[in-house]
PDB file of N, CA and C in Angstrom:
ATOM      1  N   UNK A   1      -7.404 -40.859 -12.177  1.00  0.00           N
ATOM      2  CA  UNK A   1      -8.408 -39.886 -12.390  1.00  0.00           C
ATOM      3  C   UNK A   1      -7.479 -39.334 -13.012  1.00  0.00           C
ATOM      4  N   UNK A   2      -8.662 -39.015 -14.179  1.00  0.00           N
ATOM      5  CA  UNK A   2      -8.556 -38.487 -15.510  1.00  0.00           C
ATOM      6  C   UNK A   2      -9.301 -36.466 -15.532  1.00  0.00           C
ATOM      7  N   UNK A   3      -8.223 -35.593 -15.907  1.00  0.00           N
ATOM      8  CA  UNK A   3      -8.999 -34.368 -15.856  1.00  0.00           C
ATOM      9  C   UNK A   3      -8.816 -33.726 -17.499  1.00  0.00           C
ATOM     10  N   UNK A   4     -10.009 -32.846 -17.513  1.00  0.00           N
ATOM     11  CA  UNK A   4      -9.609 -32.043 -18.401  1.00  0.00           C
ATOM     12  C   UNK A   4      -8.475 -31.122 -18.659  1.00  0.00           C
ATOM     13  N   UNK A   5      -8.265 -30.635 -19.705  1.00  0.00           N
ATOM     14  CA  UNK A   5      -6.689 -29.985 -20.246  1.00  0.00           C
ATOM     15  C   UNK A   5      -6.846 -28.500 -18.848  1.00  0.00           C
ATOM     16  N   UNK A   6      -7.986 -28.068 -18.849  1.00  0.00           N
ATOM     17  CA  UNK A   6      -8.285 -26.622 -18.223  1.00  0.00           C
ATOM     18  C   UNK A   6      -8.143 -26.565 -16.964  1.00  0.00           C
ATOM     19  N   UNK A   7      -9.001 -28.054 -16.417  1.00  0.00           N
ATOM     20  CA  UNK A   7      -8.832 -27.786 -15.613  1.00  0.00           C
ATOM     21  C   UNK A   7      -7.516 -28.392 -14.273  1.00  0.00           C
ATOM     22  N   UNK A   8      -6.836 -29.507 -15.185  1.00  0.00           N
ATOM     23  CA  UNK A   8      -4.936 -29.411 -14.689  1.00  0.00           C
ATOM     24  C   UNK A   8      -4.064 -28.413 -14.870  1.00  0.00           C
ATOM     25  N   UNK A   9      -4.501 -27.229 -15.692  1.00  0.00           N
ATOM     26  CA  UNK A   9      -4.085 -26.341 -15.920  1.00  0.00           C
ATOM     27  C   UNK A   9      -4.295 -25.241 -14.945  1.00  0.00           C
ATOM     28  N   UNK A  10      -5.523 -25.226 -14.167  1.00  0.00           N
ATOM     29  CA  UNK A  10      -6.095 -24.586 -13.182  1.00  0.00           C
ATOM     30  C   UNK A  10      -5.341 -25.158 -11.760  1.00  0.00           C
ATOM     31  N   UNK A  11      -5.369 -26.098 -11.323  1.00  0.00           N
ATOM     32  CA  UNK A  11      -4.184 -26.794 -10.460  1.00  0.00           C
ATOM     33  C   UNK A  11      -3.172 -26.584 -10.376  1.00  0.00           C
ATOM     34  N   UNK A  12      -2.920 -26.414 -11.546  1.00  0.00           N
ATOM     35  CA  UNK A  12      -1.003 -26.526 -12.186  1.00  0.00           C
ATOM     36  C   UNK A  12      -0.592 -24.598 -11.175  1.00  0.00           C
ATOM     37  N   UNK A  13      -1.894 -23.975 -11.168  1.00  0.00           N
ATOM     38  CA  UNK A  13      -1.927 -22.648 -11.236  1.00  0.00           C
ATOM     39  C   UNK A  13      -1.610 -22.358  -9.614  1.00  0.00           C
ATOM     40  N   UNK A  14      -2.757 -22.607  -8.685  1.00  0.00           N
ATOM     41  CA  UNK A  14      -3.169 -23.227  -7.668  1.00  0.00           C
ATOM     42  C   UNK A  14      -1.676 -23.883  -7.245  1.00  0.00           C
ATOM     43  N   UNK A  15      -1.466 -24.588  -7.019  1.00  0.00           N
ATOM     44  CA  UNK A  15       0.142 -25.083  -6.734  1.00  0.00           C
ATOM     45  C   UNK A  15       0.867 -24.787  -6.421  1.00  0.00           C
ATOM     46  N   UNK A  16       1.206 -24.044  -7.874  1.00  0.00           N
ATOM     47  CA  UNK A  16       2.494 -22.548  -7.799  1.00  0.00           C
ATOM     48  C   UNK A  16       2.058 -21.444  -6.716  1.00  0.00           C
ATOM     49  N   UNK A  17       0.742 -20.850  -7.153  1.00  0.00           N
ATOM     50  CA  UNK A  17       0.237 -20.001  -6.053  1.00  0.00           C
ATOM     51  C   UNK A  17       0.406 -20.033  -4.937  1.00  0.00           C
ATOM     52  N   UNK A  18      -0.435 -20.911  -4.440  1.00  0.00           N
ATOM     53  CA  UNK A  18      -0.597 -21.214  -2.981  1.00  0.00           C
ATOM     54  C   UNK A  18       1.260 -22.026  -2.517  1.00  0.00           C
ATOM     55  N   UNK A  19       2.004 -22.011  -3.530  1.00  0.00           N
ATOM     56  CA  UNK A  19       3.110 -22.402  -2.742  1.00  0.00           C
ATOM     57  C   UNK A  19       3.387 -24.099  -1.988  1.00  0.00           C
ATOM     58  N   UNK A  20       2.220 -25.343  -3.089  1.00  0.00           N
ATOM     59  CA  UNK A  20       2.384 -26.479  -2.619  1.00  0.00           C
ATOM     60  C   UNK A  20       3.706 -26.907  -2.991  1.00  0.00           C
ATOM     61  N   UNK A  21       3.242 -28.026  -2.445  1.00  0.00           N
ATOM     62  CA  UNK A  21       4.795 -28.699  -2.727  1.00  0.00           C
ATOM     63  C   UNK A  21       4.901 -29.910  -4.375  1.00  0.00           C
ATOM     64  N   UNK A  22       2.929 -30.247  -4.034  1.00  0.00           N
ATOM     65  CA  UNK A  22       2.631 -31.047  -5.269  1.00  0.00           C
ATOM     66  C   UNK A  22       1.181 -30.567  -5.608  1.00  0.00           C
ATOM     67  N   UNK A  23       1.266 -31.431  -7.703  1.00  0.00           N
ATOM     68  CA  UNK A  23       0.081 -31.265  -7.403  1.00  0.00           C
ATOM     69  C   UNK A  23      -1.351 -32.155  -6.452  1.00  0.00           C
ATOM     70  N   UNK A  24      -0.680 -33.144  -6.167  1.00  0.00           N
ATOM     71  CA  UNK A  24      -1.892 -34.253  -5.318  1.00  0.00           C
ATOM     72  C   UNK A  24      -2.060 -33.401  -3.999  1.00  0.00           C
ATOM     73  N   UNK A  25      -1.533 -32.048  -3.694  1.00  0.00           N
ATOM     74  CA  UNK A  25      -1.381 -31.676  -2.696  1.00  0.00           C
ATOM     75  C   UNK A  25      -2.553 -31.029  -2.735  1.00  0.00           C
ATOM     76  N   UNK A  26      -2.607 -30.203  -4.161  1.00  0.00           N
ATOM     77  CA  UNK A  26      -3.391 -29.352  -4.117  1.00  0.00           C
ATOM     78  C   UNK A  26      -4.537 -30.294  -3.862  1.00  0.00           C
ATOM     79  N   UNK A  27      -4.876 -31.170  -4.882  1.00  0.00           N
ATOM     80  CA  UNK A  27      -5.953 -31.692  -5.580  1.00  0.00           C
ATOM     81  C   UNK A  27      -6.714 -32.170  -3.794  1.00  0.00           C
ATOM     82  N   UNK A  28      -5.931 -33.000  -3.070  1.00  0.00           N
ATOM     83  CA  UNK A  28      -6.149 -33.010  -2.120  1.00  0.00           C
ATOM     84  C   UNK A  28      -7.437 -31.853  -1.329  1.00  0.00           C
ATOM     85  N   UNK A  29      -6.363 -30.624  -1.400  1.00  0.00           N
ATOM     86  CA  UNK A  29      -6.773 -29.761  -0.649  1.00  0.00           C
ATOM     87  C   UNK A  29      -7.803 -28.847  -1.494  1.00  0.00           C
ATOM     88  N   UNK A  30      -8.625 -29.571  -2.231  1.00  0.00           N
ATOM     89  CA  UNK A  30      -9.613 -29.388  -2.951  1.00  0.00           C
ATOM     90  C   UNK A  30     -10.809 -29.780  -2.605  1.00  0.00           C
ATOM     91  N   UNK A  31     -10.592 -31.040  -2.752  1.00  0.00           N
ATOM     92  CA  UNK A  31     -11.297 -31.810  -2.008  1.00  0.00           C
ATOM     93  C   UNK A  31     -12.004 -32.451  -1.076  1.00  0.00           C
ATOM     94  N   UNK A  32     -10.870 -31.219   0.102  1.00  0.00           N
ATOM     95  CA  UNK A  32     -10.841 -31.534   1.467  1.00  0.00           C
ATOM     96  C   UNK A  32     -11.668 -30.748   1.630  1.00  0.00           C
ATOM     97  N   UNK A  33     -11.868 -29.353   0.919  1.00  0.00           N
ATOM     98  CA  UNK A  33     -12.338 -28.041   1.251  1.00  0.00           C
ATOM     99  C   UNK A  33     -13.837 -28.388   0.762  1.00  0.00           C
ATOM    100  N   UNK A  34     -13.854 -29.425  -0.502  1.00  0.00           N
ATOM    101  CA  UNK A  34     -15.458 -29.038  -1.263  1.00  0.00           C
ATOM    102  C   UNK A  34     -16.177 -30.284   0.140  1.00  0.00           C
ATOM    103  N   UNK A  35     -15.192 -31.093   0.644  1.00  0.00           N
ATOM    104  CA  UNK A  35     -16.001 -31.963   1.514  1.00  0.00           C
ATOM    105  C   UNK A  35     -16.572 -31.427   2.666  1.00  0.00           C
ATOM    106  N   UNK A  36     -15.672 -30.214   3.305  1.00  0.00           N
ATOM    107  CA  UNK A  36     -15.929 -29.793   4.233  1.00  0.00           C
ATOM    108  C   UNK A  36     -16.597 -28.580   4.186  1.00  0.00           C
ATOM    109  N   UNK A  37     -16.779 -27.856   3.035  1.00  0.00           N
ATOM    110  CA  UNK A  37     -17.584 -26.881   2.570  1.00  0.00           C
ATOM    111  C   UNK A  37     -18.942 -26.602   3.137  1.00  0.00           C
ATOM    112  N   UNK A  38     -20.022 -27.829   2.871  1.00  0.00           N
ATOM    113  CA  UNK A  38     -21.238 -27.955   2.914  1.00  0.00           C
ATOM    114  C   UNK A  38     -22.159 -28.976   2.717  1.00  0.00           C
ATOM    115  N   UNK A  39     -23.246 -28.713   3.230  1.00  0.00           N
ATOM    116  CA  UNK A  39     -24.123 -29.853   3.006  1.00  0.00           C
ATOM    117  C   UNK A  39     -25.004 -29.752   1.340  1.00  0.00           C
ATOM    118  N   UNK A  40     -25.739 -30.710   1.102  1.00  0.00           N
ATOM    119  CA  UNK A  40     -26.739 -30.564   0.343  1.00  0.00           C
ATOM    120  C   UNK A  40     -27.448 -29.885   0.424  1.00  0.00           C
ATOM    121  N   UNK A  41     -27.922 -28.918  -1.018  1.00  0.00           N
ATOM    122  CA  UNK A  41     -28.303 -27.583  -0.681  1.00  0.00           C
ATOM    123  C   UNK A  41     -27.386 -25.956  -0.208  1.00  0.00           C
ATOM    124  N   UNK A  42     -26.522 -26.227  -0.139  1.00  0.00           N
ATOM    125  CA  UNK A  42     -25.569 -25.078  -0.091  1.00  0.00           C
ATOM    126  C   UNK A  42     -25.949 -24.513  -1.193  1.00  0.00           C
ATOM    127  N   UNK A  43     -25.549 -23.358  -1.354  1.00  0.00           N
ATOM    128  CA  UNK A  43     -25.877 -22.101  -2.764  1.00  0.00           C
ATOM    129  C   UNK A  43     -24.323 -22.225  -3.212  1.00  0.00           C
ATOM    130  N   UNK A  44     -24.202 -22.868  -4.667  1.00  0.00           N
ATOM    131  CA  UNK A  44     -23.246 -22.879  -4.629  1.00  0.00           C
ATOM    132  C   UNK A  44     -22.687 -22.421  -6.276  1.00  0.00           C
ATOM    133  N   UNK A  45     -23.735 -21.071  -6.493  1.00  0.00           N
ATOM    134  CA  UNK A  45     -23.139 -21.087  -7.742  1.00  0.00           C
ATOM    135  C   UNK A  45     -23.567 -18.911  -8.078  1.00  0.00           C
ATOM    136  N   UNK A  46     -23.410 -18.709  -8.721  1.00  0.00           N
ATOM    137  CA  UNK A  46     -23.603 -17.045  -8.460  1.00  0.00           C
ATOM    138  C   UNK A  46     -24.735 -16.896  -9.161  1.00  0.00           C
ATOM    139  N   UNK A  47     -25.596 -18.020 -10.010  1.00  0.00           N
ATOM    140  CA  UNK A  47     -26.764 -17.248 -10.397  1.00  0.00           C
ATOM    141  C   UNK A  47     -27.735 -16.977  -9.637  1.00  0.00           C
ATOM    142  N   UNK A  48     -28.576 -15.473 -10.427  1.00  0.00           N
ATOM    143  CA  UNK A  48     -29.312 -14.334  -9.738  1.00  0.00           C
ATOM    144  C   UNK A  48     -28.523 -13.776  -8.962  1.00  0.00           C
ATOM    145  N   UNK A  49     -27.425 -14.177  -8.614  1.00  0.00           N
ATOM    146  CA  UNK A  49     -26.950 -13.073  -7.430  1.00  0.00           C
ATOM    147  C   UNK A  49     -26.534 -11.435  -8.101  1.00  0.00           C
ATOM    148  N   UNK A  50     -26.943 -10.890  -9.600  1.00  0.00           N
ATOM    149  CA  UNK A  50     -26.231  -9.888 -10.691  1.00  0.00           C
ATOM    150  C   UNK A  50     -27.630  -9.321 -10.580  1.00  0.00           C
ATOM    151  N   UNK A  51     -27.989  -7.625 -10.535  1.00  0.00           N
ATOM    152  CA  UNK A  51     -29.492  -7.493 -10.630  1.00  0.00           C
ATOM    153  C   UNK A  51     -29.152  -6.201 -11.982  1.00  0.00           C
ATOM    154  N   UNK A  52     -29.792  -6.715 -13.140  1.00  0.00           N
ATOM    155  CA  UNK A  52     -29.751  -5.785 -14.240  1.00  0.00           C
ATOM    156  C   UNK A  52     -30.981  -4.790 -14.069  1.00  0.00           C
ATOM    157  N   UNK A  53     -30.944  -3.581 -14.293  1.00  0.00           N
ATOM    158  CA  UNK A  53     -31.051  -2.500 -14.213  1.00  0.00           C
ATOM    159  C   UNK A  53     -32.214  -2.463 -15.390  1.00  0.00           C
ATOM    160  N   UNK A  54     -33.690  -1.987 -15.092  1.00  0.00           N
ATOM    161  CA  UNK A  54     -34.844  -2.215 -15.561  1.00  0.00           C
ATOM    162  C   UNK A  54     -35.020  -1.116 -17.230  1.00  0.00           C
ATOM    163  N   UNK A  55     -34.133  -0.566 -17.042  1.00  0.00           N
ATOM    164  CA  UNK A  55     -33.856   0.752 -17.884  1.00  0.00           C
ATOM    165  C   UNK A  55     -33.243   0.329 -18.630  1.00  0.00           C
ATOM    166  N   UNK A  56     -32.286  -0.620 -19.112  1.00  0.00           N
ATOM    167  CA  UNK A  56     -31.090  -1.411 -19.742  1.00  0.00           C
ATOM    168  C   UNK A  56     -31.241  -2.962 -19.780  1.00  0.00           C
ATOM    169  N   UNK A  57     -32.492  -3.451 -19.938  1.00  0.00           N
ATOM    170  CA  UNK A  57     -32.715  -5.120 -19.642  1.00  0.00           C
ATOM    171  C   UNK A  57     -31.633  -5.610 -20.725  1.00  0.00           C
ATOM    172  N   UNK A  58     -31.354  -5.213 -22.250  1.00  0.00           N
ATOM    173  CA  UNK A  58     -30.270  -5.747 -22.747  1.00  0.00           C
ATOM    174  C   UNK A  58     -28.901  -5.471 -23.003  1.00  0.00           C
ATOM    175  N   UNK A  59     -28.607  -4.643 -21.306  1.00  0.00           N
ATOM    176  CA  UNK A  59     -26.964  -4.254 -21.214  1.00  0.00           C
ATOM    177  C   UNK A  59     -26.649  -3.443 -22.181  1.00  0.00           C
ATOM    178  N   UNK A  60     -27.702  -2.854 -22.939  1.00  0.00           N
ATOM    179  CA  UNK A  60     -26.976  -1.880 -24.190  1.00  0.00           C
ATOM    180  C   UNK A  60     -26.023  -0.558 -23.769  1.00  0.00           C
ATOM    181  N   UNK A  61     -26.045  -0.077 -22.693  1.00  0.00           N
ATOM    182  CA  UNK A  61     -25.301   0.774 -22.231  1.00  0.00           C
ATOM    183  C   UNK A  61     -24.442   0.236 -21.160  1.00  0.00           C
ATOM    184  N   UNK A  62     -23.798  -1.425 -21.215  1.00  0.00           N
ATOM    185  CA  UNK A  62     -22.732  -1.524 -20.469  1.00  0.00           C
ATOM    186  C   UNK A  62     -21.497  -1.261 -20.756  1.00  0.00           C
ATOM    187  N   UNK A  63     -21.496  -1.428 -22.048  1.00  0.00           N
ATOM    188  CA  UNK A  63     -19.615  -0.534 -22.053  1.00  0.00           C
ATOM    189  C   UNK A  63     -19.330   0.609 -21.753  1.00  0.00           C
ATOM    190  N   UNK A  64     -20.254   1.948 -21.710  1.00  0.00           N
ATOM    191  CA  UNK A  64     -20.024   3.091 -21.726  1.00  0.00           C
ATOM    192  C   UNK A  64     -20.022   3.045 -20.042  1.00  0.00           C
ATOM    193  N   UNK A  65     -20.708   2.180 -19.151  1.00  0.00           N
ATOM    194  CA  UNK A  65     -20.483   2.291 -17.921  1.00  0.00           C
ATOM    195  C   UNK A  65     -19.524   1.572 -17.248  1.00  0.00           C
ATOM    196  N   UNK A  66     -19.125   0.679 -18.079  1.00  0.00           N
ATOM    197  CA  UNK A  66     -18.033  -0.234 -17.377  1.00  0.00           C
ATOM    198  C   UNK A  66     -16.729   0.765 -17.638  1.00  0.00           C
ATOM    199  N   UNK A  67     -16.934   1.917 -18.894  1.00  0.00           N
ATOM    200  CA  UNK A  67     -15.810   2.341 -19.324  1.00  0.00           C
ATOM    201  C   UNK A  67     -15.390   3.235 -18.565  1.00  0.00           C
ATOM    202  N   UNK A  68     -17.289   4.641 -18.103  1.00  0.00           N
ATOM    203  CA  UNK A  68     -16.960   5.087 -16.505  1.00  0.00           C
ATOM    204  C   UNK A  68     -16.514   4.577 -15.269  1.00  0.00           C
ATOM    205  N   UNK A  69     -16.768   3.965 -15.120  1.00  0.00           N
ATOM    206  CA  UNK A  69     -16.340   3.434 -13.540  1.00  0.00           C
ATOM    207  C   UNK A  69     -14.615   3.202 -13.528  1.00  0.00           C
ATOM    208  N   UNK A  70     -14.560   2.793 -14.991  1.00  0.00           N
ATOM    209  CA  UNK A  70     -12.915   2.092 -15.090  1.00  0.00           C
ATOM    210  C   UNK A  70     -12.361   3.945 -15.479  1.00  0.00           C
ATOM    211  N   UNK A  71     -12.399   4.903 -15.930  1.00  0.00           N
ATOM    212  CA  UNK A  71     -12.258   5.629 -15.792  1.00  0.00           C
ATOM    213  C   UNK A  71     -12.195   6.773 -14.460  1.00  0.00           C
ATOM    214  N   UNK A  72     -13.396   6.751 -13.521  1.00  0.00           N
ATOM    215  CA  UNK A  72     -13.026   7.169 -12.596  1.00  0.00           C
ATOM    216  C   UNK A  72     -12.222   6.299 -11.821  1.00  0.00           C
ATOM    217  N   UNK A  73     -11.759   5.474 -11.625  1.00  0.00           N
ATOM    218  CA  UNK A  73     -11.011   4.615 -10.912  1.00  0.00           C
ATOM    219  C   UNK A  73      -9.510   5.023 -11.069  1.00  0.00           C
ATOM    220  N   UNK A  74      -9.002   5.641 -12.988  1.00  0.00           N
ATOM    221  CA  UNK A  74      -7.708   5.656 -12.824  1.00  0.00           C
ATOM    222  C   UNK A  74      -7.551   7.461 -12.082  1.00  0.00           C
ATOM    223  N   UNK A  75      -8.742   7.923 -12.465  1.00  0.00           N
ATOM    224  CA  UNK A  75      -8.512   9.224 -11.192  1.00  0.00           C
ATOM    225  C   UNK A  75      -8.317   9.266  -9.966  1.00  0.00           C
ATOM    226  N   UNK A  76      -8.121   8.169  -9.165  1.00  0.00           N
ATOM    227  CA  UNK A  76      -8.084   7.761  -7.938  1.00  0.00           C
ATOM    228  C   UNK A  76      -6.500   7.866  -7.806  1.00  0.00           C
ATOM    229  N   UNK A  77      -6.153   8.415  -6.836  1.00  0.00           N
ATOM    230  CA  UNK A  77      -5.089   8.598  -5.803  1.00  0.00           C
ATOM    231  C   UNK A  77      -4.477   6.814  -5.739  1.00  0.00           C
ATOM    232  N   UNK A  78      -3.300   6.739  -5.694  1.00  0.00           N
ATOM    233  CA  UNK A  78      -2.648   5.434  -5.402  1.00  0.00           C
ATOM    234  C   UNK A  78      -1.504   5.074  -4.680  1.00  0.00           C
ATOM    235  N   UNK A  79      -1.654   4.892  -3.441  1.00  0.00           N
ATOM    236  CA  UNK A  79      -0.657   4.668  -2.360  1.00  0.00           C
ATOM    237  C   UNK A  79       0.490   3.597  -2.868  1.00  0.00           C
ATOM    238  N   UNK A  80       1.901   4.009  -2.907  1.00  0.00           N
ATOM    239  CA  UNK A  80       2.616   2.898  -3.815  1.00  0.00           C
ATOM    240  C   UNK A  80       3.594   3.455  -1.950  1.00  0.00           C
ATOM    241  N   UNK A  81       3.969   2.223  -1.960  1.00  0.00           N
ATOM    242  CA  UNK A  81       5.048   2.488  -0.636  1.00  0.00           C
ATOM    243  C   UNK A  81       6.299   1.336  -0.975  1.00  0.00           C
ATOM    244  N   UNK A  82       7.357   1.730  -1.145  1.00  0.00           N
ATOM    245  CA  UNK A  82       8.962   0.636  -0.958  1.00  0.00           C
ATOM    246  C   UNK A  82       8.753  -0.740  -0.134  1.00  0.00           C
ATOM    247  N   UNK A  83       9.376  -1.595  -0.805  1.00  0.00           N
ATOM    248  CA  UNK A  83       9.451  -2.444  -0.301  1.00  0.00           C
ATOM    249  C   UNK A  83       9.808  -2.662   1.161  1.00  0.00           C
ATOM    250  N   UNK A  84      10.001  -3.262   2.516  1.00  0.00           N
ATOM    251  CA  UNK A  84      10.483  -2.897   3.497  1.00  0.00           C
ATOM    252  C   UNK A  84      12.293  -3.601   3.223  1.00  0.00           C
ATOM    253  N   UNK A  85      13.378  -3.300   3.823  1.00  0.00           N
ATOM    254  CA  UNK A  85      14.380  -4.029   3.610  1.00  0.00           C
ATOM    255  C   UNK A  85      14.088  -5.773   4.559  1.00  0.00           C
ATOM    256  N   UNK A  86      15.062  -6.254   3.995  1.00  0.00           N
ATOM    257  CA  UNK A  86      14.669  -7.874   4.864  1.00  0.00           C
ATOM    258  C   UNK A  86      15.084  -7.722   6.251  1.00  0.00           C
ATOM    259  N   UNK A  87      14.686  -8.993   6.709  1.00  0.00           N
ATOM    260  CA  UNK A  87      14.673  -8.750   8.251  1.00  0.00           C
ATOM    261  C   UNK A  87      16.237  -9.353   8.653  1.00  0.00           C
ATOM    262  N   UNK A  88      17.146  -8.338   9.166  1.00  0.00           N
ATOM    263  CA  UNK A  88      18.191  -8.216   9.494  1.00  0.00           C
ATOM    264  C   UNK A  88      18.915  -6.994   9.328  1.00  0.00           C
ATOM    265  N   UNK A  89      20.506  -6.762   9.610  1.00  0.00           N
ATOM    266  CA  UNK A  89      20.894  -5.991   9.367  1.00  0.00           C
ATOM    267  C   UNK A  89      20.634  -5.040   8.354  1.00  0.00           C
ATOM    268  N   UNK A  90      20.715  -3.664   8.605  1.00  0.00           N
ATOM    269  CA  UNK A  90      20.637  -2.630   6.759  1.00  0.00           C
ATOM    270  C   UNK A  90      22.148  -2.874   6.612  1.00  0.00           C
ATOM    271  N   UNK A  91      21.874  -2.397   5.083  1.00  0.00           N
ATOM    272  CA  UNK A  91      23.123  -2.419   4.290  1.00  0.00           C
ATOM    273  C   UNK A  91      23.540  -1.189   4.128  1.00  0.00           C
ATOM    274  N   UNK A  92      24.944  -0.583   4.309  1.00  0.00           N
ATOM    275  CA  UNK A  92      25.342   0.648   4.238  1.00  0.00           C
ATOM    276  C   UNK A  92      25.124   0.610   2.523  1.00  0.00           C
ATOM    277  N   UNK A  93      24.908   1.950   1.924  1.00  0.00           N
ATOM    278  CA  UNK A  93      25.077   2.298   1.090  1.00  0.00           C
ATOM    279  C   UNK A  93      26.318   2.944   0.512  1.00  0.00           C
ATOM    280  N   UNK A  94      26.718   3.083  -0.651  1.00  0.00           N
ATOM    281  CA  UNK A  94      28.035   3.488  -1.424  1.00  0.00           C
ATOM    282  C   UNK A  94      28.096   4.832  -1.133  1.00  0.00           C
ATOM    283  N   UNK A  95      28.953   5.318  -0.639  1.00  0.00           N
ATOM    284  CA  UNK A  95      28.985   6.592  -0.845  1.00  0.00           C
ATOM    285  C   UNK A  95      29.873   7.557  -1.870  1.00  0.00           C
ATOM    286  N   UNK A  96      28.385   8.886  -2.377  1.00  0.00           N
ATOM    287  CA  UNK A  96      28.720   9.635  -3.624  1.00  0.00           C
ATOM    288  C   UNK A  96      29.914  10.420  -3.211  1.00  0.00           C
ATOM    289  N   UNK A  97      29.974  10.422  -4.673  1.00  0.00           N
ATOM    290  CA  UNK A  97      31.554  11.016  -4.456  1.00  0.00           C
ATOM    291  C   UNK A  97      31.797  11.518  -5.854  1.00  0.00           C
TER     292      UNK A  97
END
């Protein structure tokens, strides 16, 4: 089997990210998912899923709109938690002094 470099890089990333043992295992998973994922006629494209506002068909205001959404997201609070200690006995902290 011959793969393009971009596809091979993508598969390697899925192998590492999915904690799989090998590239072959990842490729098997991808083929299995494609095989069982659906029959002919199933929509597997994003074409036609984006609505463009009639008031801006050329997306001339898109940059400003995305920037405004980004700025708005920066204004929202973010919940941050400390990592849970590993399972097992708690370790004693050294005394300060």
